[in-house]
Protein backbone atom coordinates (compact mmCIF):
# COMPACT_ATOMS: atom_id res chain seq x y z
CA MET A 1 -101.34 -3.04 -50.12
CA ASN A 2 -99.91 -4.93 -53.29
CA LEU A 3 -98.68 -8.10 -51.34
CA GLU A 4 -97.97 -9.87 -54.74
CA VAL A 5 -95.16 -7.91 -55.32
CA VAL A 6 -93.55 -9.10 -52.16
CA PHE A 7 -94.48 -12.77 -52.08
CA ASP A 8 -95.17 -13.98 -55.54
CA GLN A 9 -91.45 -13.89 -56.47
CA PHE A 10 -88.65 -12.85 -54.03
CA PRO A 11 -87.84 -8.94 -54.82
CA VAL A 12 -84.43 -8.02 -55.43
CA LEU A 13 -83.94 -4.44 -54.63
CA ARG A 14 -81.07 -2.57 -56.10
CA SER A 15 -79.45 0.88 -55.76
CA GLU A 16 -76.02 2.24 -57.13
CA GLU A 17 -74.33 1.00 -53.77
CA LEU A 18 -76.61 -1.82 -52.31
CA VAL A 19 -78.43 -4.83 -53.32
CA LEU A 20 -81.12 -6.45 -51.05
CA ASN A 21 -81.27 -10.06 -51.94
CA LYS A 22 -82.10 -13.35 -50.68
CA VAL A 23 -80.01 -15.08 -47.95
CA GLU A 24 -78.71 -18.37 -49.01
CA GLU A 25 -76.64 -21.33 -47.57
CA HIS A 26 -73.36 -20.29 -49.28
CA HIS A 27 -73.59 -16.93 -46.98
CA LEU A 28 -73.64 -19.12 -43.80
CA ASP A 29 -70.24 -17.75 -42.62
CA ASP A 30 -71.09 -14.29 -43.04
CA LEU A 31 -74.51 -14.81 -41.12
CA PHE A 32 -72.73 -16.84 -38.56
CA GLU A 33 -70.45 -13.76 -37.90
CA ILE A 34 -73.39 -11.44 -37.46
CA TYR A 35 -75.50 -13.71 -35.13
CA SER A 36 -72.37 -14.87 -33.07
CA ASN A 37 -71.73 -11.14 -32.17
CA ASP A 38 -73.43 -10.18 -28.82
CA HIS A 39 -72.77 -6.47 -29.65
CA VAL A 40 -74.95 -6.63 -32.91
CA PHE A 41 -78.07 -7.64 -30.68
CA GLU A 42 -77.51 -5.36 -27.79
CA TYR A 43 -80.74 -3.40 -28.72
CA CYS A 44 -82.57 -6.02 -30.59
CA GLY A 45 -84.91 -8.54 -29.51
CA ILE A 46 -82.94 -11.26 -30.92
CA ILE A 47 -80.66 -13.74 -28.82
CA PRO A 48 -77.25 -14.00 -30.26
CA LYS A 49 -76.48 -17.73 -31.69
CA HIS A 50 -73.06 -19.24 -31.10
CA ASN A 51 -73.88 -22.54 -32.92
CA LYS A 52 -73.15 -22.65 -36.73
CA THR A 53 -75.91 -25.43 -37.25
CA THR A 54 -78.35 -23.28 -35.50
CA VAL A 55 -77.72 -20.36 -37.73
CA LYS A 56 -77.79 -22.53 -40.69
CA ASN A 57 -81.24 -23.60 -39.81
CA MET A 58 -82.37 -19.99 -39.47
CA ILE A 59 -81.77 -19.64 -43.30
CA GLY A 60 -84.75 -22.24 -43.72
CA HIS A 61 -86.75 -20.30 -41.18
CA TYR A 62 -86.29 -17.34 -43.32
CA GLU A 63 -87.72 -19.13 -46.31
CA ARG A 64 -90.61 -20.77 -44.29
CA ASP A 65 -91.51 -17.35 -42.84
CA TYR A 66 -91.58 -16.02 -46.67
CA LEU A 67 -93.60 -18.78 -48.02
CA LYS A 68 -96.22 -18.17 -44.98
CA ARG A 69 -96.34 -14.48 -46.34
CA SER A 70 -95.82 -13.28 -42.99
CA ARG A 71 -92.19 -11.85 -43.21
CA ILE A 72 -89.38 -11.27 -45.65
CA LYS A 73 -85.61 -11.05 -44.86
CA TRP A 74 -83.26 -9.66 -47.34
CA GLY A 75 -79.48 -9.76 -46.93
CA ILE A 76 -77.88 -6.52 -47.41
CA PHE A 77 -75.06 -6.73 -49.77
CA ALA A 78 -72.37 -4.07 -51.47
CA ALA A 79 -73.58 -3.62 -55.18
CA GLU A 80 -69.89 -4.17 -56.28
CA GLU A 81 -69.51 -7.44 -54.09
CA GLU A 82 -72.62 -9.36 -53.81
CA SER A 83 -71.05 -12.25 -52.45
CA ARG A 84 -70.41 -10.71 -48.97
CA LEU A 85 -73.52 -10.28 -46.59
CA LEU A 86 -73.24 -7.30 -44.68
CA GLY A 87 -76.35 -7.25 -42.86
CA ILE A 88 -80.08 -8.16 -42.55
CA ILE A 89 -83.12 -5.92 -43.46
CA GLU A 90 -86.67 -7.19 -42.92
CA ALA A 91 -90.41 -6.15 -43.62
CA CYS A 92 -92.93 -7.97 -41.16
CA ASP A 93 -96.42 -7.51 -39.65
CA PHE A 94 -98.28 -6.68 -42.92
CA ASN A 95 -101.25 -5.24 -41.65
CA GLN A 96 -103.66 -4.68 -44.83
CA LYS A 97 -106.64 -3.28 -42.74
CA VAL A 98 -104.66 0.06 -42.28
CA ASN A 99 -102.04 -0.58 -45.10
CA MET A 100 -99.16 -0.74 -42.58
CA VAL A 101 -95.71 -2.60 -42.19
CA THR A 102 -92.88 -2.60 -39.87
CA ILE A 103 -89.27 -2.88 -40.50
CA GLY A 104 -86.03 -3.79 -38.74
CA TYR A 105 -82.61 -3.81 -39.67
CA PHE A 106 -79.09 -4.98 -38.34
CA LEU A 107 -75.30 -4.99 -39.59
CA ALA A 108 -72.45 -6.92 -38.97
CA GLU A 109 -70.20 -4.92 -36.48
CA ALA A 110 -67.22 -4.70 -39.21
CA HIS A 111 -69.82 -2.58 -41.12
CA TRP A 112 -71.12 -0.15 -38.64
CA GLY A 113 -70.54 3.55 -39.14
CA GLN A 114 -70.56 3.58 -42.78
CA GLY A 115 -74.15 4.74 -43.48
CA LEU A 116 -74.89 1.25 -44.95
CA ALA A 117 -78.16 0.96 -42.63
CA SER A 118 -79.27 4.37 -43.61
CA ARG A 119 -79.15 3.64 -47.44
CA ALA A 120 -80.58 0.09 -46.98
CA VAL A 121 -83.79 1.73 -44.88
CA GLU A 122 -83.96 4.18 -47.89
CA LEU A 123 -83.89 1.50 -50.55
CA LEU A 124 -86.41 -0.59 -48.66
CA THR A 125 -88.94 2.10 -47.81
CA GLU A 126 -88.85 3.26 -51.73
CA PHE A 127 -89.95 -0.26 -52.43
CA LEU A 128 -92.53 -0.32 -49.72
CA PHE A 129 -94.35 3.01 -50.93
CA GLU A 130 -93.90 2.69 -54.69
CA GLN A 131 -94.35 -1.06 -55.61
CA VAL A 132 -96.05 -2.74 -52.38
CA GLN A 133 -98.37 0.75 -52.03
CA VAL A 134 -98.17 0.80 -48.19
CA ASN A 135 -99.31 4.14 -46.51
CA ARG A 136 -97.29 3.59 -43.54
CA VAL A 137 -93.97 2.11 -42.42
CA GLN A 138 -92.90 1.89 -38.77
CA ALA A 139 -90.08 0.80 -36.67
CA GLU A 140 -89.93 0.03 -33.00
CA VAL A 141 -86.70 0.99 -31.24
CA MET A 142 -85.07 0.40 -27.68
CA LEU A 143 -84.68 3.77 -25.78
CA ASN A 144 -80.92 3.27 -25.89
CA ASN A 145 -80.42 2.44 -29.54
CA VAL A 146 -79.31 5.96 -30.48
CA ILE A 147 -77.78 4.85 -33.71
CA SER A 148 -80.91 3.32 -35.00
CA LYS A 149 -82.91 6.46 -34.20
CA LYS A 150 -80.21 8.26 -36.40
CA VAL A 151 -81.11 6.03 -39.12
CA LEU A 152 -84.66 6.34 -38.91
CA LEU A 153 -84.62 10.30 -38.62
CA LYS A 154 -82.22 10.43 -41.67
CA ASN A 155 -84.72 8.72 -43.60
CA ARG A 156 -87.54 11.25 -42.37
CA PHE A 157 -89.23 8.86 -40.09
CA VAL A 158 -90.91 10.64 -37.29
CA LYS A 159 -90.64 10.01 -33.58
CA GLU A 160 -94.40 9.28 -32.41
CA GLY A 161 -93.85 8.75 -28.57
CA MET A 162 -92.87 5.97 -26.26
CA LEU A 163 -94.70 2.58 -25.51
CA ARG A 164 -94.13 1.79 -21.67
CA GLN A 165 -93.26 -1.85 -20.88
CA ALA A 166 -95.25 -2.54 -24.10
CA ALA A 167 -93.23 -5.92 -25.52
CA LEU A 168 -91.59 -8.92 -24.56
CA TRP A 169 -88.38 -9.01 -26.28
CA SER A 170 -86.19 -12.26 -26.40
CA GLY A 171 -83.21 -11.68 -24.17
CA LYS A 172 -84.36 -8.31 -22.90
CA GLY A 173 -87.71 -9.00 -21.00
CA VAL A 174 -90.49 -6.79 -21.05
CA VAL A 175 -89.06 -3.47 -22.44
CA ASP A 176 -90.06 0.23 -23.33
CA LEU A 177 -90.09 1.05 -27.17
CA GLU A 178 -89.90 4.07 -29.01
CA ILE A 179 -92.15 4.25 -32.33
CA TYR A 180 -90.93 5.98 -35.43
CA SER A 181 -92.98 6.11 -38.67
CA ILE A 182 -93.31 7.57 -42.22
CA LEU A 183 -96.33 8.04 -44.10
CA ARG A 184 -96.89 7.99 -47.78
CA GLU A 185 -97.70 11.66 -47.62
CA ASP A 186 -94.28 12.37 -45.75
CA TYR A 187 -92.29 10.32 -48.46
CA MET A 188 -93.88 12.14 -51.45
CA LYS A 189 -93.10 15.66 -50.22
CA PRO A 190 -89.56 16.78 -51.47
CA LYS A 191 -86.77 16.07 -49.34
CA THR A 192 -85.85 19.59 -48.92
CA GLN A 193 -89.17 20.53 -47.61
CA THR A 194 -89.29 17.56 -45.15
CA ALA A 195 -86.12 18.73 -43.89
CA VAL A 196 -87.42 22.44 -43.39
CA LEU A 197 -90.41 21.09 -41.45
CA LEU A 198 -88.30 18.93 -39.16
CA ALA A 199 -85.87 21.78 -38.25
CA ALA A 200 -88.95 23.64 -37.38
CA ASP A 201 -90.43 21.24 -34.76
């Protein structure tokens, strides 16, 4: 795992449609719109924030976690309008012993249903496999979070099973979680081959 690619200098990830970049104070209004919406965090271990000062302080927490080399949060932006924050995607729990990382993501409600989360996950997993050289990317999903499961399956993640009453999530208590993952060997297969394998399961 090449953590220097992640933490020596903030990595900006680009595709034709999206840019993953640092969240800064001039994005505060958009970030507050996301964090103050209870619907966004219905299936997340995050408590909505209805105070703009609290949300502003969170931008500093993003920077603190990055400097501690424990977590990186990117803002999700449209390539043609980088000033508008659409959502957040993160990589955390960098486990160097088994070369594994966990990802999470959420979008502003106004941008749901447009395929943005799927494309952001695709861009991030490409970076993690090709540049950070991880072997496994995983995500933890609450059982009722059907949309997030679809995002992961579209990106060739595999459902591994359910962990019963396995985590304490803020605002949710002790929860059951489904684990989805994609391995380097899965990522390296042609997409058409993976689709055939999934259809056969």
